[in-house]
Protein backbone atom coordinates (compact mmCIF):
# COMPACT_ATOMS: atom_id res chain seq x y z
CA UNK A 1 -33.81 19.59 112.54
CA UNK A 2 -31.25 17.03 112.87
CA UNK A 3 -32.93 14.63 113.41
CA UNK A 4 -35.00 15.23 110.42
CA UNK A 5 -31.44 15.20 107.95
CA UNK A 6 -29.94 12.52 109.89
CA UNK A 7 -32.90 10.43 108.50
CA UNK A 8 -33.30 12.02 105.03
CA UNK A 9 -29.67 11.08 104.88
CA UNK A 10 -30.33 7.40 105.96
CA UNK A 11 -33.05 7.09 103.57
CA UNK A 12 -30.86 8.94 100.80
CA UNK A 13 -28.19 6.20 101.67
CA UNK A 14 -30.91 3.28 101.69
CA UNK A 15 -31.73 4.53 98.21
CA UNK A 16 -28.28 4.69 97.00
CA UNK A 17 -27.27 1.43 98.16
CA UNK A 18 -30.47 -0.35 96.73
CA UNK A 19 -29.60 1.53 93.37
CA UNK A 20 -26.15 0.18 93.67
CA UNK A 21 -27.27 -3.05 94.56
CA UNK A 22 -29.53 -2.92 91.45
CA UNK A 23 -26.73 -2.00 88.84
CA UNK A 24 -23.97 -4.65 90.53
CA UNK A 25 -26.99 -7.34 89.98
CA UNK A 26 -27.12 -6.06 86.23
CA UNK A 27 -23.73 -6.15 86.06
CA UNK A 28 -23.42 -9.61 87.38
CA UNK A 29 -26.56 -10.68 85.00
CA UNK A 30 -24.57 -9.12 81.76
CA UNK A 31 -21.57 -10.28 82.40
CA UNK A 32 -23.13 -13.64 83.34
CA UNK A 33 -25.13 -13.35 79.73
CA UNK A 34 -21.87 -12.42 77.20
CA UNK A 35 -19.72 -14.72 79.10
CA UNK A 36 -22.49 -17.69 78.34
CA UNK A 37 -22.50 -16.11 75.15
CA UNK A 38 -18.83 -16.10 73.74
CA UNK A 39 -17.64 -18.82 75.72
CA UNK A 40 -15.19 -17.13 77.97
CA UNK A 41 -14.84 -16.20 81.37
CA UNK A 42 -16.54 -13.91 83.80
CA UNK A 43 -13.31 -12.14 84.60
CA UNK A 44 -12.80 -12.21 80.85
CA UNK A 45 -16.50 -10.89 79.59
CA UNK A 46 -16.21 -8.10 82.84
CA UNK A 47 -13.12 -6.73 81.51
CA UNK A 48 -15.14 -6.53 77.88
CA UNK A 49 -17.99 -5.14 79.46
CA UNK A 50 -15.93 -2.08 81.26
CA UNK A 51 -14.04 -1.52 77.68
CA UNK A 52 -17.10 -1.40 76.22
CA UNK A 53 -18.66 1.13 78.77
CA UNK A 54 -21.35 -1.83 80.08
CA UNK A 55 -22.61 -1.64 76.54
CA UNK A 56 -23.13 -5.22 75.05
CA UNK A 57 -23.58 -4.97 71.64
CA UNK A 58 -20.25 -3.45 71.86
CA UNK A 59 -18.44 -5.63 73.33
CA UNK A 60 -19.73 -8.38 71.92
CA UNK A 61 -18.23 -6.76 68.48
CA UNK A 62 -14.79 -6.35 70.25
CA UNK A 63 -14.73 -10.01 71.74
CA UNK A 64 -15.54 -11.43 67.94
CA UNK A 65 -13.18 -9.31 66.48
CA UNK A 66 -10.14 -10.28 68.80
CA UNK A 67 -11.61 -13.71 68.35
CA UNK A 68 -11.07 -12.98 64.24
CA UNK A 69 -7.76 -11.84 65.06
CA UNK A 70 -6.90 -14.70 67.16
CA UNK A 71 -8.07 -17.25 64.34
CA UNK A 72 -6.42 -15.22 61.62
CA UNK A 73 -3.08 -15.24 63.35
CA UNK A 74 -3.02 -19.08 63.98
CA UNK A 75 -3.91 -19.65 60.20
CA UNK A 76 -1.29 -17.63 59.27
CA UNK A 77 0.81 -19.38 61.79
CA UNK A 78 -0.02 -22.76 60.47
CA UNK A 79 0.46 -21.70 56.75
CA UNK A 80 3.84 -20.26 57.26
CA UNK A 81 4.65 -23.41 59.54
CA UNK A 82 7.90 -20.88 60.34
CA UNK A 83 6.74 -20.79 64.37
CA UNK A 84 6.71 -17.10 64.34
CA UNK A 85 6.46 -15.77 67.97
CA UNK A 86 3.35 -13.57 67.44
CA UNK A 87 1.10 -11.87 64.77
CA UNK A 88 1.21 -7.97 65.15
CA UNK A 89 -0.83 -4.77 63.90
CA UNK A 90 1.57 -4.49 61.64
CA UNK A 91 0.66 -7.63 59.92
CA UNK A 92 -2.34 -6.08 58.98
CA UNK A 93 -4.00 -3.56 56.66
CA UNK A 94 -3.60 0.18 58.54
CA UNK A 95 -6.75 1.18 60.14
CA UNK A 96 -8.54 -1.88 60.48
CA UNK A 97 -7.77 -2.92 63.55
CA UNK A 98 -7.27 -1.52 67.20
CA UNK A 99 -5.35 -3.61 68.80
CA UNK A 100 -2.25 -6.49 68.56
CA UNK A 101 -2.71 -10.32 69.35
CA UNK A 102 -0.29 -11.60 70.72
CA UNK A 103 0.55 -15.27 70.82
CA UNK A 104 2.96 -17.67 72.59
CA UNK A 105 5.54 -20.26 71.13
CA UNK A 106 3.29 -23.34 72.14
CA UNK A 107 0.41 -21.72 70.85
CA UNK A 108 1.80 -21.18 67.14
CA UNK A 109 3.91 -24.60 67.29
CA UNK A 110 0.66 -26.69 68.20
CA UNK A 111 -1.32 -24.86 65.34
CA UNK A 112 1.22 -25.13 62.97
CA UNK A 113 2.12 -29.03 63.85
CA UNK A 114 -1.35 -30.53 62.95
CA UNK A 115 -1.76 -29.05 59.15
CA UNK A 116 2.38 -29.82 58.70
CA UNK A 117 1.31 -33.75 60.16
CA UNK A 118 -1.39 -34.08 57.36
CA UNK A 119 0.87 -33.01 54.65
CA UNK A 120 3.41 -35.22 56.11
CA UNK A 121 0.96 -38.44 55.86
CA UNK A 122 -0.76 -36.91 52.72
CA UNK A 123 2.96 -37.21 51.12
CA UNK A 124 3.61 -40.38 52.58
CA UNK A 125 0.26 -41.95 50.95
CA UNK A 126 1.27 -40.47 47.52
CA UNK A 127 5.07 -41.65 47.99
CA UNK A 128 3.38 -45.08 48.82
CA UNK A 129 1.09 -45.43 45.97
CA UNK A 130 3.84 -44.08 43.47
CA UNK A 131 6.26 -46.90 44.93
CA UNK A 132 2.93 -49.30 44.27
CA UNK A 133 2.37 -47.95 40.35
CA UNK A 134 6.04 -48.38 39.86
CA UNK A 135 6.32 -52.19 40.87
CA UNK A 136 3.16 -53.14 39.41
CA UNK A 137 4.60 -51.41 35.51
CA UNK A 138 8.12 -53.35 36.55
CA UNK A 139 5.92 -56.71 36.74
CA UNK A 140 4.11 -58.22 33.68
CA UNK A 141 1.22 -60.90 34.10
CA UNK A 142 0.92 -63.11 30.67
CA UNK A 143 -1.87 -65.46 30.15
CA UNK A 144 0.21 -68.16 27.94
CA UNK A 145 -1.75 -71.22 26.17
CA UNK A 146 0.59 -74.27 25.31
CA UNK A 147 4.30 -72.34 24.77
CA UNK A 148 2.29 -69.08 22.82
CA UNK A 149 1.70 -65.57 24.87
CA UNK A 150 -1.64 -64.67 24.85
CA UNK A 151 -2.25 -61.85 26.38
CA UNK A 152 0.68 -59.60 28.03
CA UNK A 153 0.04 -56.63 30.28
CA UNK A 154 1.29 -54.68 33.35
CA UNK A 155 0.30 -55.76 36.58
CA UNK A 156 -1.24 -52.40 37.23
CA UNK A 157 -3.56 -52.61 34.52
CA UNK A 158 -4.77 -55.93 35.85
CA UNK A 159 -4.82 -54.40 39.06
CA UNK A 160 -7.54 -52.15 38.09
CA UNK A 161 -9.26 -54.32 35.76
CA UNK A 162 -9.38 -56.60 38.65
CA UNK A 163 -10.50 -53.08 40.80
CA UNK A 164 -13.42 -52.01 38.11
CA UNK A 165 -14.74 -55.12 36.96
CA UNK A 166 -14.16 -58.24 39.17
CA UNK A 167 -16.26 -60.54 38.22
CA UNK A 168 -15.74 -60.22 34.74
CA UNK A 169 -12.21 -60.79 35.11
CA UNK A 170 -12.83 -63.64 37.13
CA UNK A 171 -15.18 -65.38 35.00
CA UNK A 172 -12.93 -64.75 32.28
CA UNK A 173 -9.73 -66.24 34.03
CA UNK A 174 -11.97 -69.39 35.27
CA UNK A 175 -13.26 -70.13 32.04
CA UNK A 176 -9.42 -69.65 30.54
CA UNK A 177 -8.28 -72.36 33.49
CA UNK A 178 -10.65 -74.68 32.08
CA UNK A 179 -9.79 -73.84 28.31
CA UNK A 180 -5.65 -74.79 29.32
CA UNK A 181 -4.64 -71.28 29.77
CA UNK A 182 -1.45 -70.44 32.54
CA UNK A 183 -0.93 -67.21 34.06
CA UNK A 184 2.45 -66.16 35.28
CA UNK A 185 3.81 -63.23 36.68
CA UNK A 186 7.35 -62.43 35.87
CA UNK A 187 9.73 -59.51 36.59
CA UNK A 188 10.79 -57.36 33.64
CA UNK A 189 14.31 -56.77 34.91
CA UNK A 190 14.61 -60.51 35.63
CA UNK A 191 13.57 -61.44 32.00
């Protein structure tokens, strides 16, 4: 009888080991699948699956919610450009979030630096354009026939005419040269 009990124990142990191996294989496959789908490490995927009770849908939802909250925190940090240390549950509506998102200072600075750099570049471009228009408005383009001024306009207007109708302007200027016209650009402040 003891041999029979020993055999039964061995069979039960073998069955449990086989079931345990199948469960581990299934869990590993689920972990790999989740890691590949969510682009995270196997450790993060396993932790999410364990937290979700090995329910793939719940784990995916939890990870997507964490990713959404992380992006929301980065966006808020970039908007404020203040370099705050973290975004916590207090920043979100009550009852909507079950966990907090903590970010280190370097992540926030990186997120805030790019929009600030883009705004600075755009601001510099606008300043440069403003200075060019002001310079063009201070200077005058004048067409003379003999000693009489036939046409006088700001250089900015000439630049816009050349930009939008270069062929026509070039043709008129060439005809004007053959007709004895002179072209000058003068600074109003000097005149």
